[in-house]
C-alpha cells in the first residue's frame, strides 16, 4: 500500500517516481556533479546546493576545482566510494521521493563518511518512508521497525531495543558485531 492505495493499482512509471534508491555502488555519469544530481530533472542550482548541504557533501563538492560544475569520470572513478554515496544522497534530497530504499548504502565506506551519511539517513527517515537493507547494524538502530531475515525467512521484527531485549537472532548479531570491535 502507498498512501492507502494498493501499489498494483499504480502505473509502474508513476510508482517509480515515488521511490528513490541509494545502492551500495551508485552510478556516477561522466557529466557534471550538478547533472549527476539532477538526472535530467529541472532542478535549480540553489536546490542542488541545498541538497548537497543536506547530504553533508558540501566539503567534498567545494573541494573540487569547479564545484558543482566539475565533470566526473565515468562511473565516478575519480571519487571514493564514500564520495559517490554522498552524491547519491544529494540526488535523493534533490528529487524528494516519498519512499527511499537504502540497499547496503553504508557497506563499503569509512567510519567518517558513515557518520556523515548517518546524518542524512536520520534526516530522510524523519521525513519519508525508508526501507533499509543492511548488514551494518549501526545503520538501522534508530528505525521504527526492524525486520530480521535469516535465509530469506522473517525470524524477528520490532524496534532495536525490543529486539535486543528478546535475546534472539538480532541480539546475537548485534552483540557479536560489537564484541568483534573490542
N, C-alpha and C. Protein backbone atom coordinates (compact mmCIF):
# COMPACT_ATOMS: atom_id res chain seq x y z
N UNK A 1 0.84 -1.18 0.00
CA UNK A 1 0.00 0.00 0.00
C UNK A 1 0.90 1.25 0.00
N UNK A 2 0.50 2.23 -0.75
CA UNK A 2 1.18 3.52 -0.78
C UNK A 2 0.10 4.58 -0.63
N UNK A 3 0.15 5.27 0.50
CA UNK A 3 -0.89 6.26 0.82
C UNK A 3 -2.29 5.66 0.71
N UNK A 4 -2.42 4.42 1.21
CA UNK A 4 -3.72 3.76 1.23
C UNK A 4 -4.14 3.13 -0.09
N UNK A 5 -3.30 3.19 -1.12
CA UNK A 5 -3.63 2.63 -2.43
C UNK A 5 -2.71 1.44 -2.68
N UNK A 6 -3.29 0.33 -3.12
CA UNK A 6 -2.50 -0.85 -3.46
C UNK A 6 -1.54 -0.49 -4.58
N UNK A 7 -0.27 -0.82 -4.42
CA UNK A 7 0.73 -0.43 -5.43
C UNK A 7 0.46 -1.08 -6.79
N UNK A 8 -0.30 -2.16 -6.80
CA UNK A 8 -0.65 -2.81 -8.08
C UNK A 8 -1.56 -1.93 -8.92
N UNK A 9 -2.22 -0.96 -8.28
CA UNK A 9 -3.12 -0.06 -9.00
C UNK A 9 -2.37 1.12 -9.63
N UNK A 10 -1.11 1.29 -9.26
CA UNK A 10 -0.30 2.37 -9.83
C UNK A 10 0.28 1.95 -11.18
N UNK A 11 0.41 2.90 -12.05
CA UNK A 11 1.19 2.72 -13.27
C UNK A 11 2.64 2.60 -12.80
N UNK A 12 3.42 1.64 -13.34
CA UNK A 12 4.79 1.40 -12.88
C UNK A 12 5.65 2.65 -12.96
N UNK A 13 5.50 3.42 -14.03
CA UNK A 13 6.30 4.63 -14.18
C UNK A 13 5.96 5.62 -13.07
N UNK A 14 4.68 5.79 -12.78
CA UNK A 14 4.26 6.69 -11.70
C UNK A 14 4.78 6.21 -10.35
N UNK A 15 4.70 4.90 -10.13
CA UNK A 15 5.18 4.34 -8.86
C UNK A 15 6.67 4.59 -8.69
N UNK A 16 7.43 4.38 -9.75
CA UNK A 16 8.88 4.59 -9.69
C UNK A 16 9.25 6.03 -9.37
N UNK A 17 8.41 6.96 -9.75
CA UNK A 17 8.69 8.37 -9.46
C UNK A 17 8.51 8.68 -7.97
N UNK A 18 7.85 7.80 -7.24
CA UNK A 18 7.67 7.97 -5.80
C UNK A 18 8.81 7.35 -4.99
N UNK A 19 9.69 6.61 -5.68
CA UNK A 19 10.72 5.85 -4.99
C UNK A 19 12.11 6.32 -5.40
N UNK A 20 12.97 6.53 -4.42
CA UNK A 20 14.37 6.85 -4.68
C UNK A 20 15.23 5.79 -4.03
N UNK A 21 16.35 5.47 -4.67
CA UNK A 21 17.22 4.43 -4.12
C UNK A 21 18.65 4.94 -3.98
N UNK A 22 19.30 4.41 -2.97
CA UNK A 22 20.74 4.60 -2.80
C UNK A 22 21.31 3.19 -2.70
N UNK A 23 22.07 2.82 -3.72
CA UNK A 23 22.65 1.48 -3.79
C UNK A 23 24.04 1.44 -3.18
N UNK A 24 24.54 0.25 -2.97
CA UNK A 24 25.88 0.07 -2.41
C UNK A 24 26.94 0.72 -3.29
N UNK A 25 26.74 0.67 -4.58
CA UNK A 25 27.69 1.27 -5.52
C UNK A 25 26.92 2.14 -6.51
N UNK A 26 26.62 3.39 -6.12
CA UNK A 26 25.81 4.25 -7.00
C UNK A 26 26.53 4.57 -8.30
N UNK A 27 25.78 4.71 -9.37
CA UNK A 27 26.37 5.01 -10.67
C UNK A 27 26.56 6.51 -10.80
N UNK A 28 27.75 6.90 -11.21
CA UNK A 28 28.07 8.30 -11.48
C UNK A 28 28.39 8.40 -12.97
N UNK A 29 27.72 9.32 -13.64
CA UNK A 29 27.89 9.51 -15.07
C UNK A 29 29.05 10.46 -15.36
N UNK A 30 29.59 10.37 -16.55
CA UNK A 30 30.67 11.27 -16.99
C UNK A 30 30.05 12.61 -17.38
N UNK A 31 29.52 13.27 -16.38
CA UNK A 31 28.88 14.58 -16.53
C UNK A 31 29.22 15.39 -15.29
N UNK A 32 28.69 16.59 -15.21
CA UNK A 32 28.98 17.44 -14.05
C UNK A 32 28.31 16.87 -12.79
N UNK A 33 28.83 17.30 -11.64
CA UNK A 33 28.22 16.94 -10.36
C UNK A 33 26.74 17.36 -10.39
N UNK A 34 26.50 18.57 -10.88
CA UNK A 34 25.14 19.09 -10.96
C UNK A 34 24.25 18.15 -11.78
N UNK A 35 24.73 17.73 -12.95
CA UNK A 35 23.94 16.84 -13.81
C UNK A 35 23.75 15.47 -13.19
N UNK A 36 24.74 15.01 -12.44
CA UNK A 36 24.62 13.72 -11.76
C UNK A 36 23.57 13.76 -10.65
N UNK A 37 23.35 14.90 -10.09
CA UNK A 37 22.32 15.04 -9.07
C UNK A 37 20.94 15.26 -9.70
N UNK A 38 20.88 16.08 -10.73
CA UNK A 38 19.61 16.39 -11.39
C UNK A 38 19.02 15.19 -12.14
N UNK A 39 19.88 14.44 -12.79
CA UNK A 39 19.43 13.31 -13.62
C UNK A 39 18.31 13.72 -14.58
N UNK A 40 18.56 14.77 -15.34
CA UNK A 40 17.64 15.27 -16.37
C UNK A 40 16.33 15.88 -15.84
N UNK A 41 16.23 16.09 -14.55
CA UNK A 41 15.06 16.76 -13.98
C UNK A 41 15.40 18.24 -13.83
N UNK A 42 14.42 19.10 -13.99
CA UNK A 42 14.67 20.53 -13.83
C UNK A 42 14.74 20.86 -12.35
N UNK A 43 15.98 21.10 -11.90
CA UNK A 43 16.24 21.45 -10.51
C UNK A 43 17.19 22.63 -10.52
N UNK A 44 16.87 23.67 -9.79
CA UNK A 44 17.70 24.88 -9.78
C UNK A 44 19.04 24.63 -9.10
N UNK A 45 20.03 25.46 -9.44
CA UNK A 45 21.34 25.37 -8.79
C UNK A 45 21.20 25.57 -7.28
N UNK A 46 20.30 26.46 -6.89
CA UNK A 46 20.08 26.71 -5.46
C UNK A 46 19.61 25.43 -4.77
N UNK A 47 18.69 24.71 -5.40
CA UNK A 47 18.20 23.46 -4.81
C UNK A 47 19.26 22.36 -4.86
N UNK A 48 20.10 22.38 -5.90
CA UNK A 48 21.21 21.42 -5.98
C UNK A 48 22.16 21.66 -4.80
N UNK A 49 22.52 22.92 -4.57
CA UNK A 49 23.43 23.24 -3.47
C UNK A 49 22.81 22.89 -2.11
N UNK A 50 21.50 23.12 -1.99
CA UNK A 50 20.81 22.77 -0.74
C UNK A 50 20.84 21.25 -0.53
N UNK A 51 20.61 20.48 -1.59
CA UNK A 51 20.62 19.03 -1.46
C UNK A 51 22.03 18.52 -1.13
N UNK A 52 23.05 19.16 -1.67
CA UNK A 52 24.44 18.79 -1.36
C UNK A 52 24.73 19.07 0.12
N UNK A 53 24.25 20.19 0.60
CA UNK A 53 24.43 20.53 2.02
C UNK A 53 23.69 19.53 2.91
N UNK A 54 22.46 19.20 2.55
CA UNK A 54 21.68 18.25 3.35
C UNK A 54 22.33 16.88 3.38
N UNK A 55 23.03 16.52 2.30
CA UNK A 55 23.70 15.23 2.22
C UNK A 55 25.09 15.25 2.88
N UNK A 56 25.45 16.35 3.50
CA UNK A 56 26.77 16.51 4.13
C UNK A 56 27.90 16.36 3.12
N UNK A 57 27.64 16.78 1.89
CA UNK A 57 28.63 16.66 0.82
C UNK A 57 29.27 17.99 0.44
N UNK A 58 28.95 19.06 1.15
CA UNK A 58 29.46 20.39 0.79
C UNK A 58 30.98 20.45 0.80
N UNK A 59 31.62 19.91 1.83
CA UNK A 59 33.09 19.96 1.89
C UNK A 59 33.70 19.26 0.69
N UNK A 60 33.17 18.11 0.35
CA UNK A 60 33.67 17.35 -0.80
C UNK A 60 33.48 18.13 -2.09
N UNK A 61 32.27 18.60 -2.35
CA UNK A 61 31.98 19.30 -3.61
C UNK A 61 32.74 20.61 -3.69
N UNK A 62 32.81 21.34 -2.59
CA UNK A 62 33.53 22.62 -2.59
C UNK A 62 35.04 22.44 -2.77
N UNK A 63 35.56 21.26 -2.48
CA UNK A 63 36.99 21.00 -2.67
C UNK A 63 37.35 20.74 -4.14
N UNK A 64 36.34 20.51 -4.96
CA UNK A 64 36.58 20.26 -6.39
C UNK A 64 36.85 21.58 -7.10
N UNK A 65 37.79 21.62 -8.05
CA UNK A 65 38.14 22.88 -8.72
C UNK A 65 36.94 23.64 -9.30
N UNK A 66 35.98 22.94 -9.86
CA UNK A 66 34.82 23.60 -10.47
C UNK A 66 33.53 23.40 -9.69
N UNK A 67 33.63 22.90 -8.46
CA UNK A 67 32.45 22.71 -7.61
C UNK A 67 31.40 21.85 -8.29
N UNK A 68 30.15 22.33 -8.32
CA UNK A 68 29.07 21.53 -8.91
C UNK A 68 29.21 21.38 -10.42
N UNK A 69 30.07 22.16 -11.03
CA UNK A 69 30.29 22.06 -12.47
C UNK A 69 31.47 21.14 -12.83
N UNK A 70 32.08 20.55 -11.82
CA UNK A 70 33.17 19.60 -12.05
C UNK A 70 32.64 18.39 -12.83
N UNK A 71 33.36 18.00 -13.88
CA UNK A 71 32.97 16.85 -14.68
C UNK A 71 33.53 15.58 -14.05
N UNK A 72 32.67 14.64 -13.80
CA UNK A 72 33.07 13.36 -13.20
C UNK A 72 33.60 12.43 -14.27
N UNK A 73 34.49 11.56 -13.87
CA UNK A 73 34.90 10.48 -14.77
C UNK A 73 33.79 9.44 -14.78
N UNK A 74 33.74 8.65 -15.86
CA UNK A 74 32.73 7.60 -15.98
C UNK A 74 32.76 6.71 -14.74
N UNK A 75 31.59 6.40 -14.22
CA UNK A 75 31.39 5.57 -13.02
C UNK A 75 31.99 6.22 -11.76
N UNK A 76 32.32 7.51 -11.83
CA UNK A 76 32.86 8.20 -10.66
C UNK A 76 34.24 7.72 -10.28
N UNK A 77 35.02 7.29 -11.25
CA UNK A 77 36.36 6.72 -11.00
C UNK A 77 37.26 7.63 -10.18
N UNK A 78 37.04 8.93 -10.24
CA UNK A 78 37.92 9.87 -9.52
C UNK A 78 37.46 10.11 -8.08
N UNK A 79 36.37 9.47 -7.67
CA UNK A 79 35.84 9.67 -6.33
C UNK A 79 35.92 8.40 -5.50
N UNK A 80 35.99 8.59 -4.20
CA UNK A 80 35.97 7.43 -3.30
C UNK A 80 34.54 6.87 -3.25
N UNK A 81 34.40 5.69 -2.70
CA UNK A 81 33.07 5.08 -2.55
C UNK A 81 32.19 5.99 -1.69
N UNK A 82 32.77 6.54 -0.63
CA UNK A 82 32.01 7.43 0.25
C UNK A 82 31.55 8.69 -0.45
N UNK A 83 32.41 9.27 -1.28
CA UNK A 83 32.03 10.47 -2.01
C UNK A 83 30.89 10.18 -2.99
N UNK A 84 30.94 9.02 -3.63
CA UNK A 84 29.85 8.64 -4.53
C UNK A 84 28.54 8.46 -3.75
N UNK A 85 28.66 7.90 -2.55
CA UNK A 85 27.46 7.74 -1.71
C UNK A 85 26.88 9.10 -1.32
N UNK A 86 27.75 10.06 -0.99
CA UNK A 86 27.27 11.39 -0.65
C UNK A 86 26.52 12.02 -1.83
N UNK A 87 27.03 11.81 -3.04
CA UNK A 87 26.33 12.32 -4.23
C UNK A 87 24.99 11.62 -4.42
N UNK A 88 24.95 10.33 -4.13
CA UNK A 88 23.69 9.59 -4.24
C UNK A 88 22.65 10.13 -3.25
N UNK A 89 23.10 10.48 -2.04
CA UNK A 89 22.18 11.07 -1.07
C UNK A 89 21.72 12.45 -1.52
N UNK A 90 22.63 13.21 -2.12
CA UNK A 90 22.24 14.53 -2.65
C UNK A 90 21.15 14.36 -3.72
N UNK A 91 21.27 13.32 -4.54
CA UNK A 91 20.22 13.03 -5.53
C UNK A 91 18.87 12.83 -4.85
N UNK A 92 18.87 12.03 -3.80
CA UNK A 92 17.62 11.75 -3.10
C UNK A 92 17.02 13.04 -2.56
N UNK A 93 17.85 13.87 -1.93
CA UNK A 93 17.34 15.13 -1.40
C UNK A 93 16.82 16.04 -2.51
N UNK A 94 17.47 16.03 -3.65
CA UNK A 94 17.06 16.90 -4.77
C UNK A 94 15.76 16.42 -5.40
N UNK A 95 15.54 15.12 -5.44
CA UNK A 95 14.37 14.57 -6.11
C UNK A 95 13.17 14.36 -5.18
N UNK A 96 13.39 14.39 -3.89
CA UNK A 96 12.36 14.29 -2.86
C UNK A 96 11.30 13.21 -3.11
N UNK A 97 11.71 11.95 -3.26
CA UNK A 97 10.71 10.89 -3.41
C UNK A 97 9.96 10.65 -2.10
N UNK A 98 8.79 10.03 -2.18
CA UNK A 98 8.00 9.72 -0.99
C UNK A 98 8.59 8.56 -0.20
N UNK A 99 9.24 7.65 -0.92
CA UNK A 99 9.83 6.46 -0.32
C UNK A 99 11.28 6.38 -0.78
N UNK A 100 12.16 6.03 0.13
CA UNK A 100 13.51 5.78 -0.33
C UNK A 100 14.01 4.45 0.21
N UNK A 101 14.81 3.80 -0.62
CA UNK A 101 15.36 2.49 -0.30
C UNK A 101 16.87 2.61 -0.26
N UNK A 102 17.44 2.20 0.86
CA UNK A 102 18.89 2.16 1.01
C UNK A 102 19.30 0.70 0.96
N UNK A 103 20.00 0.33 -0.09
CA UNK A 103 20.42 -1.05 -0.25
C UNK A 103 21.91 -1.15 0.01
N UNK A 104 22.25 -1.51 1.25
CA UNK A 104 23.65 -1.63 1.68
C UNK A 104 24.43 -0.34 1.40
N UNK A 105 23.78 0.80 1.63
CA UNK A 105 24.37 2.09 1.29
C UNK A 105 25.61 2.45 2.09
N UNK A 106 25.82 1.80 3.23
CA UNK A 106 27.00 2.11 4.04
C UNK A 106 27.98 0.95 4.12
N UNK A 107 27.81 -0.04 3.28
CA UNK A 107 28.59 -1.28 3.39
C UNK A 107 30.09 -1.09 3.17
N UNK A 108 30.49 -0.25 2.23
CA UNK A 108 31.91 -0.17 1.86
C UNK A 108 32.54 1.19 2.11
N UNK A 109 32.08 1.87 3.14
CA UNK A 109 32.61 3.21 3.38
C UNK A 109 33.33 3.29 4.72
N UNK A 110 34.16 4.31 4.85
CA UNK A 110 34.91 4.51 6.09
C UNK A 110 34.00 5.09 7.17
N UNK A 111 34.48 5.05 8.40
CA UNK A 111 33.69 5.48 9.56
C UNK A 111 33.32 6.96 9.47
N UNK A 112 34.25 7.81 9.03
CA UNK A 112 33.98 9.24 8.92
C UNK A 112 32.81 9.49 7.96
N UNK A 113 32.87 8.87 6.78
CA UNK A 113 31.81 9.07 5.79
C UNK A 113 30.52 8.44 6.28
N UNK A 114 30.61 7.32 6.97
CA UNK A 114 29.40 6.69 7.52
C UNK A 114 28.69 7.66 8.48
N UNK A 115 29.47 8.37 9.30
CA UNK A 115 28.86 9.35 10.21
C UNK A 115 28.18 10.48 9.44
N UNK A 116 28.80 10.94 8.35
CA UNK A 116 28.16 11.96 7.51
C UNK A 116 26.85 11.43 6.91
N UNK A 117 26.92 10.21 6.40
CA UNK A 117 25.75 9.61 5.77
C UNK A 117 24.67 9.33 6.80
N UNK A 118 25.07 8.95 8.01
CA UNK A 118 24.07 8.69 9.06
C UNK A 118 23.24 9.93 9.35
N UNK A 119 23.85 11.11 9.29
CA UNK A 119 23.09 12.36 9.46
C UNK A 119 22.04 12.48 8.36
N UNK A 120 22.42 12.16 7.14
CA UNK A 120 21.48 12.22 6.01
C UNK A 120 20.37 11.20 6.18
N UNK A 121 20.75 10.00 6.61
CA UNK A 121 19.76 8.94 6.82
C UNK A 121 18.75 9.37 7.87
N UNK A 122 19.23 9.92 8.96
CA UNK A 122 18.32 10.36 10.03
C UNK A 122 17.38 11.45 9.54
N UNK A 123 17.91 12.39 8.75
CA UNK A 123 17.09 13.47 8.22
C UNK A 123 16.03 12.93 7.26
N UNK A 124 16.44 12.05 6.36
CA UNK A 124 15.50 11.49 5.39
C UNK A 124 14.43 10.65 6.06
N UNK A 125 14.84 9.77 6.96
CA UNK A 125 13.87 8.86 7.56
C UNK A 125 12.91 9.56 8.51
N UNK A 126 13.25 10.76 8.96
CA UNK A 126 12.32 11.52 9.78
C UNK A 126 11.20 12.12 8.93
N UNK A 127 11.47 12.31 7.63
CA UNK A 127 10.52 12.97 6.74
C UNK A 127 9.79 12.01 5.80
N UNK A 128 10.38 10.86 5.52
CA UNK A 128 9.90 9.97 4.46
C UNK A 128 9.82 8.54 4.94
N UNK A 129 9.16 7.71 4.16
CA UNK A 129 9.18 6.28 4.41
C UNK A 129 10.51 5.74 3.92
N UNK A 130 11.18 5.00 4.76
CA UNK A 130 12.51 4.50 4.42
C UNK A 130 12.56 2.99 4.60
N UNK A 131 13.19 2.34 3.64
CA UNK A 131 13.42 0.90 3.72
C UNK A 131 14.93 0.71 3.65
N UNK A 132 15.48 0.09 4.69
CA UNK A 132 16.92 -0.15 4.77
C UNK A 132 17.20 -1.63 4.57
N UNK A 133 18.10 -1.92 3.67
CA UNK A 133 18.62 -3.27 3.51
C UNK A 133 20.06 -3.16 3.99
N UNK A 134 20.36 -3.79 5.13
CA UNK A 134 21.66 -3.53 5.74
C UNK A 134 22.19 -4.73 6.53
N UNK A 135 23.49 -4.91 6.43
CA UNK A 135 24.18 -5.84 7.30
C UNK A 135 24.88 -5.07 8.42
N UNK A 136 25.25 -3.81 8.12
CA UNK A 136 25.89 -2.97 9.12
C UNK A 136 24.80 -2.44 10.04
N UNK A 137 24.73 -2.99 11.24
CA UNK A 137 23.61 -2.71 12.13
C UNK A 137 23.56 -1.28 12.62
N UNK A 138 24.68 -0.58 12.62
CA UNK A 138 24.68 0.82 13.06
C UNK A 138 23.77 1.67 12.18
N UNK A 139 23.52 1.23 10.96
CA UNK A 139 22.66 1.96 10.02
C UNK A 139 21.20 1.94 10.45
N UNK A 140 20.80 0.91 11.18
CA UNK A 140 19.37 0.71 11.43
C UNK A 140 18.92 0.87 12.88
N UNK A 141 19.81 1.18 13.79
CA UNK A 141 19.43 1.20 15.22
C UNK A 141 18.34 2.22 15.53
N UNK A 142 18.20 3.27 14.74
CA UNK A 142 17.21 4.31 15.04
C UNK A 142 15.89 4.18 14.27
N UNK A 143 15.72 3.11 13.51
CA UNK A 143 14.50 2.98 12.71
C UNK A 143 13.33 2.53 13.58
N UNK A 144 12.11 2.75 13.10
CA UNK A 144 10.91 2.39 13.85
C UNK A 144 10.72 0.88 13.95
N UNK A 145 10.97 0.18 12.86
CA UNK A 145 10.74 -1.26 12.85
C UNK A 145 11.84 -1.95 12.06
N UNK A 146 12.41 -2.97 12.66
CA UNK A 146 13.45 -3.78 12.03
C UNK A 146 12.83 -5.14 11.73
N UNK A 147 13.01 -5.59 10.51
CA UNK A 147 12.57 -6.93 10.12
C UNK A 147 13.84 -7.74 9.88
N UNK A 148 14.04 -8.77 10.68
CA UNK A 148 15.25 -9.57 10.61
C UNK A 148 14.99 -10.81 9.77
N UNK A 149 15.83 -11.00 8.76
CA UNK A 149 15.70 -12.16 7.87
C UNK A 149 16.87 -13.11 8.11
N UNK A 150 16.59 -14.39 8.02
CA UNK A 150 17.62 -15.41 8.04
C UNK A 150 17.25 -16.43 6.96
N UNK A 151 18.12 -16.56 5.98
CA UNK A 151 17.89 -17.46 4.84
C UNK A 151 16.55 -17.18 4.17
N UNK A 152 16.22 -15.88 4.03
CA UNK A 152 15.02 -15.47 3.33
C UNK A 152 13.74 -15.53 4.14
N UNK A 153 13.82 -15.90 5.37
CA UNK A 153 12.64 -16.01 6.23
C UNK A 153 12.68 -14.93 7.31
N UNK A 154 11.52 -14.36 7.62
CA UNK A 154 11.43 -13.40 8.72
C UNK A 154 11.54 -14.17 10.02
N UNK A 155 12.54 -13.83 10.84
CA UNK A 155 12.72 -14.52 12.12
C UNK A 155 12.37 -13.64 13.32
N UNK A 156 12.39 -12.32 13.13
CA UNK A 156 12.04 -11.39 14.21
C UNK A 156 11.65 -10.06 13.60
N UNK A 157 10.88 -9.29 14.35
CA UNK A 157 10.62 -7.90 13.98
C UNK A 157 10.31 -7.10 15.24
N UNK A 158 10.70 -5.83 15.18
CA UNK A 158 10.48 -4.93 16.31
C UNK A 158 11.47 -3.78 16.25
N UNK A 159 11.48 -2.97 17.29
CA UNK A 159 12.45 -1.88 17.37
C UNK A 159 13.79 -2.45 17.82
N UNK A 160 14.83 -1.65 17.70
CA UNK A 160 16.16 -2.06 18.12
C UNK A 160 16.15 -2.52 19.58
N UNK A 161 15.58 -1.71 20.46
CA UNK A 161 15.58 -2.07 21.89
C UNK A 161 14.74 -3.31 22.16
N UNK A 162 13.60 -3.45 21.48
CA UNK A 162 12.76 -4.64 21.66
C UNK A 162 13.53 -5.90 21.24
N UNK A 163 14.20 -5.80 20.11
CA UNK A 163 14.94 -6.96 19.61
C UNK A 163 16.13 -7.31 20.50
N UNK A 164 16.79 -6.30 21.04
CA UNK A 164 17.88 -6.58 21.98
C UNK A 164 17.35 -7.28 23.24
N UNK A 165 16.22 -6.80 23.73
CA UNK A 165 15.63 -7.38 24.94
C UNK A 165 15.13 -8.81 24.73
N UNK A 166 14.79 -9.16 23.49
CA UNK A 166 14.31 -10.52 23.19
C UNK A 166 15.42 -11.56 23.25
N UNK A 167 16.67 -11.10 23.19
CA UNK A 167 17.82 -12.01 23.19
C UNK A 167 17.72 -13.08 22.10
N UNK A 168 17.21 -12.68 20.96
CA UNK A 168 17.06 -13.60 19.84
C UNK A 168 18.17 -13.43 18.82
N UNK A 169 17.84 -13.71 17.58
CA UNK A 169 18.80 -13.69 16.48
C UNK A 169 19.44 -12.31 16.31
N UNK A 170 18.62 -11.25 16.32
CA UNK A 170 19.14 -9.89 16.16
C UNK A 170 20.11 -9.54 17.29
N UNK A 171 19.73 -9.87 18.51
CA UNK A 171 20.57 -9.57 19.66
C UNK A 171 21.93 -10.26 19.53
N UNK A 172 21.92 -11.51 19.08
CA UNK A 172 23.17 -12.24 18.90
C UNK A 172 24.03 -11.58 17.81
N UNK A 173 23.40 -11.17 16.70
CA UNK A 173 24.13 -10.48 15.64
C UNK A 173 24.74 -9.18 16.16
N UNK A 174 23.91 -8.40 16.82
CA UNK A 174 24.34 -7.09 17.32
C UNK A 174 25.49 -7.25 18.31
N UNK A 175 25.33 -8.13 19.26
CA UNK A 175 26.37 -8.33 20.29
C UNK A 175 27.64 -8.89 19.71
N UNK A 176 27.54 -9.82 18.76
CA UNK A 176 28.76 -10.39 18.17
C UNK A 176 29.49 -9.33 17.33
N UNK A 177 28.74 -8.45 16.68
CA UNK A 177 29.37 -7.39 15.89
C UNK A 177 30.18 -6.46 16.81
N UNK A 178 29.58 -6.03 17.91
CA UNK A 178 30.28 -5.10 18.78
C UNK A 178 31.37 -5.78 19.61
N UNK A 179 31.23 -7.07 19.89
CA UNK A 179 32.31 -7.80 20.56
C UNK A 179 33.52 -7.92 19.64
N UNK A 180 33.28 -8.06 18.33
CA UNK A 180 34.39 -8.18 17.38
C UNK A 180 35.18 -6.88 17.26
N UNK A 181 34.54 -5.75 17.58
CA UNK A 181 35.24 -4.46 17.52
C UNK A 181 36.17 -4.25 18.71
N UNK A 182 35.82 -4.86 19.84
CA UNK A 182 36.57 -4.63 21.07
C UNK A 182 37.65 -5.60 21.23
